Amino acid sequence: ASSGAVNISLVTFLVPISAIFLGIVILDE
């Protein structure tokens, strides 16, 4: 609602980063 669909699509770039970080640090992947 505040930033629009184009800006929110940037989350696609960021999700793997946080998932990979959590997986490596906590799950030892």
PDB file of all heavy atoms in Angstrom:
ATOM      1  N   ALA A   1       0.819  -1.216   0.000  1.00  0.00           N
ATOM      2  CA  ALA A   1       0.000   0.000   0.000  1.00  0.00           C
ATOM      3  C   ALA A   1       0.849   1.261   0.000  1.00  0.00           C
ATOM      4  O   ALA A   1       0.482   2.269  -0.616  1.00  0.00           O
ATOM      5  CB  ALA A   1      -0.924  -0.003   1.218  1.00  0.00           C
ATOM      6  N   SER A   2       2.008   1.232   0.660  1.00  0.00           N
ATOM      7  CA  SER A   2       2.808   2.451   0.790  1.00  0.00           C
ATOM      8  C   SER A   2       3.842   2.609  -0.309  1.00  0.00           C
ATOM      9  O   SER A   2       4.194   3.730  -0.673  1.00  0.00           O
ATOM     10  CB  SER A   2       3.510   2.475   2.152  1.00  0.00           C
ATOM     11  OG  SER A   2       4.432   1.407   2.255  1.00  0.00           O
ATOM     12  N   SER A   3       4.352   1.497  -0.856  1.00  0.00           N
ATOM     13  CA  SER A   3       5.466   1.580  -1.800  1.00  0.00           C
ATOM     14  C   SER A   3       5.195   0.975  -3.164  1.00  0.00           C
ATOM     15  O   SER A   3       5.988   1.167  -4.078  1.00  0.00           O
ATOM     16  CB  SER A   3       6.711   0.899  -1.194  1.00  0.00           C
ATOM     17  OG  SER A   3       7.080   1.523   0.007  1.00  0.00           O
ATOM     18  N   GLY A   4       4.123   0.215  -3.315  1.00  0.00           N
ATOM     19  CA  GLY A   4       3.773  -0.319  -4.620  1.00  0.00           C
ATOM     20  C   GLY A   4       4.370  -1.678  -4.920  1.00  0.00           C
ATOM     21  O   GLY A   4       5.292  -2.148  -4.246  1.00  0.00           O
ATOM     22  N   ALA A   5       3.837  -2.303  -5.959  1.00  0.00           N
ATOM     23  CA  ALA A   5       4.213  -3.669  -6.309  1.00  0.00           C
ATOM     24  C   ALA A   5       5.655  -3.766  -6.804  1.00  0.00           C
ATOM     25  O   ALA A   5       6.343  -4.756  -6.557  1.00  0.00           O
ATOM     26  CB  ALA A   5       3.258  -4.210  -7.368  1.00  0.00           C
ATOM     27  N   VAL A   6       6.126  -2.733  -7.524  1.00  0.00           N
ATOM     28  CA  VAL A   6       7.484  -2.792  -8.074  1.00  0.00           C
ATOM     29  C   VAL A   6       8.511  -2.812  -6.952  1.00  0.00           C
ATOM     30  O   VAL A   6       9.446  -3.617  -6.949  1.00  0.00           O
ATOM     31  CB  VAL A   6       7.739  -1.600  -9.020  1.00  0.00           C
ATOM     32  CG1 VAL A   6       9.198  -1.581  -9.455  1.00  0.00           C
ATOM     33  CG2 VAL A   6       6.835  -1.690 -10.237  1.00  0.00           C
ATOM     34  N   ASN A   7       8.335  -1.936  -5.973  1.00  0.00           N
ATOM     35  CA  ASN A   7       9.294  -1.887  -4.875  1.00  0.00           C
ATOM     36  C   ASN A   7       9.245  -3.136  -4.008  1.00  0.00           C
ATOM     37  O   ASN A   7      10.286  -3.627  -3.562  1.00  0.00           O
ATOM     38  CB  ASN A   7       9.044  -0.641  -4.006  1.00  0.00           C
ATOM     39  CG  ASN A   7       9.560   0.620  -4.657  1.00  0.00           C
ATOM     40  OD1 ASN A   7      10.622   0.616  -5.270  1.00  0.00           O
ATOM     41  ND2 ASN A   7       8.807   1.703  -4.554  1.00  0.00           N
ATOM     42  N   ILE A   8       8.057  -3.657  -3.763  1.00  0.00           N
ATOM     43  CA  ILE A   8       7.971  -4.826  -2.897  1.00  0.00           C
ATOM     44  C   ILE A   8       8.552  -6.064  -3.572  1.00  0.00           C
ATOM     45  O   ILE A   8       8.937  -7.024  -2.912  1.00  0.00           O
ATOM     46  CB  ILE A   8       6.515  -5.091  -2.444  1.00  0.00           C
ATOM     47  CG1 ILE A   8       6.532  -5.914  -1.152  1.00  0.00           C
ATOM     48  CG2 ILE A   8       5.708  -5.780  -3.526  1.00  0.00           C
ATOM     49  CD1 ILE A   8       5.179  -6.051  -0.509  1.00  0.00           C
ATOM     50  N   SER A   9       8.647  -6.035  -4.901  1.00  0.00           N
ATOM     51  CA  SER A   9       9.235  -7.182  -5.602  1.00  0.00           C
ATOM     52  C   SER A   9      10.709  -7.362  -5.237  1.00  0.00           C
ATOM     53  O   SER A   9      11.279  -8.431  -5.456  1.00  0.00           O
ATOM     54  CB  SER A   9       9.090  -7.015  -7.118  1.00  0.00           C
ATOM     55  OG  SER A   9       9.885  -5.936  -7.579  1.00  0.00           O
ATOM     56  N   LEU A  10      11.332  -6.319  -4.664  1.00  0.00           N
ATOM     57  CA  LEU A  10      12.726  -6.423  -4.239  1.00  0.00           C
ATOM     58  C   LEU A  10      12.924  -7.478  -3.153  1.00  0.00           C
ATOM     59  O   LEU A  10      14.039  -7.978  -2.964  1.00  0.00           O
ATOM     60  CB  LEU A  10      13.219  -5.066  -3.715  1.00  0.00           C
ATOM     61  CG  LEU A  10      13.394  -3.949  -4.742  1.00  0.00           C
ATOM     62  CD1 LEU A  10      13.668  -2.634  -4.056  1.00  0.00           C
ATOM     63  CD2 LEU A  10      14.500  -4.285  -5.717  1.00  0.00           C
ATOM     64  N   VAL A  11      11.847  -7.832  -2.447  1.00  0.00           N
ATOM     65  CA  VAL A  11      11.973  -8.844  -1.397  1.00  0.00           C
ATOM     66  C   VAL A  11      12.443 -10.180  -1.972  1.00  0.00           C
ATOM     67  O   VAL A  11      13.059 -10.983  -1.278  1.00  0.00           O
ATOM     68  CB  VAL A  11      10.633  -9.002  -0.642  1.00  0.00           C
ATOM     69  CG1 VAL A  11       9.622  -9.788  -1.460  1.00  0.00           C
ATOM     70  CG2 VAL A  11      10.858  -9.669   0.707  1.00  0.00           C
ATOM     71  N   THR A  12      12.163 -10.396  -3.266  1.00  0.00           N
ATOM     72  CA  THR A  12      12.585 -11.638  -3.914  1.00  0.00           C
ATOM     73  C   THR A  12      14.098 -11.801  -3.869  1.00  0.00           C
ATOM     74  O   THR A  12      14.607 -12.918  -3.772  1.00  0.00           O
ATOM     75  CB  THR A  12      12.111 -11.653  -5.385  1.00  0.00           C
ATOM     76  OG1 THR A  12      10.720 -11.354  -5.426  1.00  0.00           O
ATOM     77  CG2 THR A  12      12.345 -13.003  -6.025  1.00  0.00           C
ATOM     78  N   PHE A  13      14.827 -10.693  -3.948  1.00  0.00           N
ATOM     79  CA  PHE A  13      16.287 -10.747  -3.897  1.00  0.00           C
ATOM     80  C   PHE A  13      16.790 -11.073  -2.493  1.00  0.00           C
ATOM     81  O   PHE A  13      17.870 -11.638  -2.336  1.00  0.00           O
ATOM     82  CB  PHE A  13      16.893  -9.397  -4.310  1.00  0.00           C
ATOM     83  CG  PHE A  13      16.524  -8.948  -5.688  1.00  0.00           C
ATOM     84  CD1 PHE A  13      15.476  -8.074  -5.889  1.00  0.00           C
ATOM     85  CD2 PHE A  13      17.227  -9.396  -6.796  1.00  0.00           C
ATOM     86  CE1 PHE A  13      15.131  -7.649  -7.152  1.00  0.00           C
ATOM     87  CE2 PHE A  13      16.886  -8.972  -8.060  1.00  0.00           C
ATOM     88  CZ  PHE A  13      15.845  -8.095  -8.251  1.00  0.00           C
ATOM     89  N   LEU A  14      16.011 -10.687  -1.477  1.00  0.00           N
ATOM     90  CA  LEU A  14      16.493 -10.736  -0.105  1.00  0.00           C
ATOM     91  C   LEU A  14      16.156 -12.028   0.627  1.00  0.00           C
ATOM     92  O   LEU A  14      16.888 -12.430   1.529  1.00  0.00           O
ATOM     93  CB  LEU A  14      15.910  -9.543   0.677  1.00  0.00           C
ATOM     94  CG  LEU A  14      16.231  -8.156   0.115  1.00  0.00           C
ATOM     95  CD1 LEU A  14      15.469  -7.084   0.880  1.00  0.00           C
ATOM     96  CD2 LEU A  14      17.730  -7.890   0.176  1.00  0.00           C
ATOM     97  N   VAL A  15      15.044 -12.671   0.255  1.00  0.00           N
ATOM     98  CA  VAL A  15      14.608 -13.873   0.977  1.00  0.00           C
ATOM     99  C   VAL A  15      15.670 -14.971   0.993  1.00  0.00           C
ATOM    100  O   VAL A  15      15.967 -15.538   2.061  1.00  0.00           O
ATOM    101  CB  VAL A  15      13.278 -14.403   0.404  1.00  0.00           C
ATOM    102  CG1 VAL A  15      12.980 -15.810   0.923  1.00  0.00           C
ATOM    103  CG2 VAL A  15      12.135 -13.465   0.781  1.00  0.00           C
ATOM    104  N   PRO A  16      16.292 -15.331  -0.160  1.00  0.00           N
ATOM    105  CA  PRO A  16      17.317 -16.390  -0.096  1.00  0.00           C
ATOM    106  C   PRO A  16      18.488 -16.039   0.812  1.00  0.00           C
ATOM    107  O   PRO A  16      19.083 -16.933   1.427  1.00  0.00           O
ATOM    108  CB  PRO A  16      17.772 -16.522  -1.558  1.00  0.00           C
ATOM    109  CG  PRO A  16      16.635 -16.003  -2.359  1.00  0.00           C
ATOM    110  CD  PRO A  16      16.058 -14.891  -1.540  1.00  0.00           C
ATOM    111  N   ILE A  17      18.815 -14.742   0.898  1.00  0.00           N
ATOM    112  CA  ILE A  17      19.952 -14.346   1.734  1.00  0.00           C
ATOM    113  C   ILE A  17      19.679 -14.695   3.193  1.00  0.00           C
ATOM    114  O   ILE A  17      20.511 -15.313   3.878  1.00  0.00           O
ATOM    115  CB  ILE A  17      20.238 -12.842   1.572  1.00  0.00           C
ATOM    116  CG1 ILE A  17      20.641 -12.531   0.131  1.00  0.00           C
ATOM    117  CG2 ILE A  17      21.324 -12.396   2.551  1.00  0.00           C
ATOM    118  CD1 ILE A  17      20.790 -11.053  -0.153  1.00  0.00           C
ATOM    119  N   SER A  18      18.495 -14.310   3.691  1.00  0.00           N
ATOM    120  CA  SER A  18      18.181 -14.600   5.089  1.00  0.00           C
ATOM    121  C   SER A  18      17.999 -16.092   5.313  1.00  0.00           C
ATOM    122  O   SER A  18      18.420 -16.628   6.348  1.00  0.00           O
ATOM    123  CB  SER A  18      16.917 -13.836   5.516  1.00  0.00           C
ATOM    124  OG  SER A  18      15.821 -14.155   4.680  1.00  0.00           O
ATOM    125  N   ALA A  19      17.387 -16.791   4.339  1.00  0.00           N
ATOM    126  CA  ALA A  19      17.191 -18.241   4.491  1.00  0.00           C
ATOM    127  C   ALA A  19      18.519 -18.978   4.514  1.00  0.00           C
ATOM    128  O   ALA A  19      18.738 -19.881   5.332  1.00  0.00           O
ATOM    129  CB  ALA A  19      16.307 -18.768   3.358  1.00  0.00           C
ATOM    130  N   ILE A  20      19.426 -18.607   3.617  1.00  0.00           N
ATOM    131  CA  ILE A  20      20.743 -19.254   3.571  1.00  0.00           C
ATOM    132  C   ILE A  20      21.523 -18.949   4.846  1.00  0.00           C
ATOM    133  O   ILE A  20      22.172 -19.838   5.426  1.00  0.00           O
ATOM    134  CB  ILE A  20      21.524 -18.777   2.332  1.00  0.00           C
ATOM    135  CG1 ILE A  20      20.866 -19.329   1.060  1.00  0.00           C
ATOM    136  CG2 ILE A  20      22.982 -19.206   2.396  1.00  0.00           C
ATOM    137  CD1 ILE A  20      21.381 -18.682  -0.212  1.00  0.00           C
ATOM    138  N   PHE A  21      21.469 -17.710   5.308  1.00  0.00           N
ATOM    139  CA  PHE A  21      22.190 -17.328   6.529  1.00  0.00           C
ATOM    140  C   PHE A  21      21.705 -18.146   7.725  1.00  0.00           C
ATOM    141  O   PHE A  21      22.508 -18.707   8.485  1.00  0.00           O
ATOM    142  CB  PHE A  21      22.000 -15.833   6.798  1.00  0.00           C
ATOM    143  CG  PHE A  21      22.604 -15.367   8.095  1.00  0.00           C
ATOM    144  CD1 PHE A  21      23.965 -15.135   8.200  1.00  0.00           C
ATOM    145  CD2 PHE A  21      21.804 -15.174   9.217  1.00  0.00           C
ATOM    146  CE1 PHE A  21      24.520 -14.716   9.401  1.00  0.00           C
ATOM    147  CE2 PHE A  21      22.356 -14.754  10.415  1.00  0.00           C
ATOM    148  CZ  PHE A  21      23.719 -14.519  10.508  1.00  0.00           C
ATOM    149  N   LEU A  22      20.373 -18.235   7.901  1.00  0.00           N
ATOM    150  CA  LEU A  22      19.830 -19.000   9.022  1.00  0.00           C
ATOM    151  C   LEU A  22      20.168 -20.484   8.900  1.00  0.00           C
ATOM    152  O   LEU A  22      20.477 -21.143   9.896  1.00  0.00           O
ATOM    153  CB  LEU A  22      18.310 -18.814   9.096  1.00  0.00           C
ATOM    154  CG  LEU A  22      17.818 -17.425   9.516  1.00  0.00           C
ATOM    155  CD1 LEU A  22      16.322 -17.306   9.319  1.00  0.00           C
ATOM    156  CD2 LEU A  22      18.176 -17.146  10.971  1.00  0.00           C
ATOM    157  N   GLY A  23      20.099 -21.000   7.667  1.00  0.00           N
ATOM    158  CA  GLY A  23      20.392 -22.410   7.453  1.00  0.00           C
ATOM    159  C   GLY A  23      21.830 -22.758   7.765  1.00  0.00           C
ATOM    160  O   GLY A  23      22.117 -23.792   8.379  1.00  0.00           O
ATOM    161  N   ILE A  24      22.752 -21.901   7.355  1.00  0.00           N
ATOM    162  CA  ILE A  24      24.175 -22.172   7.583  1.00  0.00           C
ATOM    163  C   ILE A  24      24.551 -21.989   9.045  1.00  0.00           C
ATOM    164  O   ILE A  24      25.238 -22.820   9.646  1.00  0.00           O
ATOM    165  CB  ILE A  24      25.035 -21.265   6.683  1.00  0.00           C
ATOM    166  CG1 ILE A  24      24.869 -21.669   5.210  1.00  0.00           C
ATOM    167  CG2 ILE A  24      26.504 -21.336   7.092  1.00  0.00           C
ATOM    168  CD1 ILE A  24      25.570 -20.750   4.239  1.00  0.00           C
ATOM    169  N   VAL A  25      24.067 -20.899   9.661  1.00  0.00           N
ATOM    170  CA  VAL A  25      24.471 -20.573  11.031  1.00  0.00           C
ATOM    171  C   VAL A  25      23.817 -21.498  12.051  1.00  0.00           C
ATOM    172  O   VAL A  25      24.477 -21.957  13.002  1.00  0.00           O
ATOM    173  CB  VAL A  25      24.126 -19.096  11.343  1.00  0.00           C
ATOM    174  CG1 VAL A  25      24.354 -18.794  12.817  1.00  0.00           C
ATOM    175  CG2 VAL A  25      24.966 -18.172  10.479  1.00  0.00           C
ATOM    176  N   ILE A  26      22.525 -21.803  11.860  1.00  0.00           N
ATOM    177  CA  ILE A  26      21.791 -22.547  12.891  1.00  0.00           C
ATOM    178  C   ILE A  26      21.631 -24.022  12.545  1.00  0.00           C
ATOM    179  O   ILE A  26      21.765 -24.887  13.415  1.00  0.00           O
ATOM    180  CB  ILE A  26      20.411 -21.897  13.140  1.00  0.00           C
ATOM    181  CG1 ILE A  26      20.601 -20.428  13.562  1.00  0.00           C
ATOM    182  CG2 ILE A  26      19.638 -22.656  14.215  1.00  0.00           C
ATOM    183  CD1 ILE A  26      19.316 -19.681  13.777  1.00  0.00           C
ATOM    184  N   LEU A  27      21.343 -24.329  11.272  1.00  0.00           N
ATOM    185  CA  LEU A  27      21.090 -25.716  10.888  1.00  0.00           C
ATOM    186  C   LEU A  27      22.329 -26.413  10.349  1.00  0.00           C
ATOM    187  O   LEU A  27      22.253 -27.580   9.961  1.00  0.00           O
ATOM    188  CB  LEU A  27      19.968 -25.770   9.836  1.00  0.00           C
ATOM    189  CG  LEU A  27      18.605 -25.218  10.279  1.00  0.00           C
ATOM    190  CD1 LEU A  27      17.597 -25.329   9.143  1.00  0.00           C
ATOM    191  CD2 LEU A  27      18.101 -25.960  11.514  1.00  0.00           C
ATOM    192  N   ASP A  28      23.449 -25.700  10.271  1.00  0.00           N
ATOM    193  CA  ASP A  28      24.711 -26.277   9.805  1.00  0.00           C
ATOM    194  C   ASP A  28      24.604 -26.822   8.380  1.00  0.00           C
ATOM    195  O   ASP A  28      25.148 -27.865   8.043  1.00  0.00           O
ATOM    196  CB  ASP A  28      25.172 -27.388  10.754  1.00  0.00           C
ATOM    197  CG  ASP A  28      26.659 -27.716  10.585  1.00  0.00           C
ATOM    198  OD1 ASP A  28      27.408 -26.810  10.183  1.00  0.00           O
ATOM    199  OD2 ASP A  28      27.053 -28.868  10.829  1.00  0.00           O
ATOM    200  N   GLU A  29      23.868 -26.095   7.537  1.00  0.00           N
ATOM    201  CA  GLU A  29      23.716 -26.498   6.144  1.00  0.00           C
ATOM    202  C   GLU A  29      24.862 -25.939   5.305  1.00  0.00           C
ATOM    203  O   GLU A  29      25.552 -24.995   5.709  1.00  0.00           O
ATOM    204  CB  GLU A  29      22.376 -25.996   5.580  1.00  0.00           C
ATOM    205  CG  GLU A  29      21.161 -26.621   6.250  1.00  0.00           C
ATOM    206  CD  GLU A  29      19.861 -26.048   5.720  1.00  0.00           C
ATOM    207  OE1 GLU A  29      19.904 -24.979   5.067  1.00  0.00           O
ATOM    208  OE2 GLU A  29      18.820 -26.644   5.972  1.00  0.00           O
TER     209      GLU A  29
END
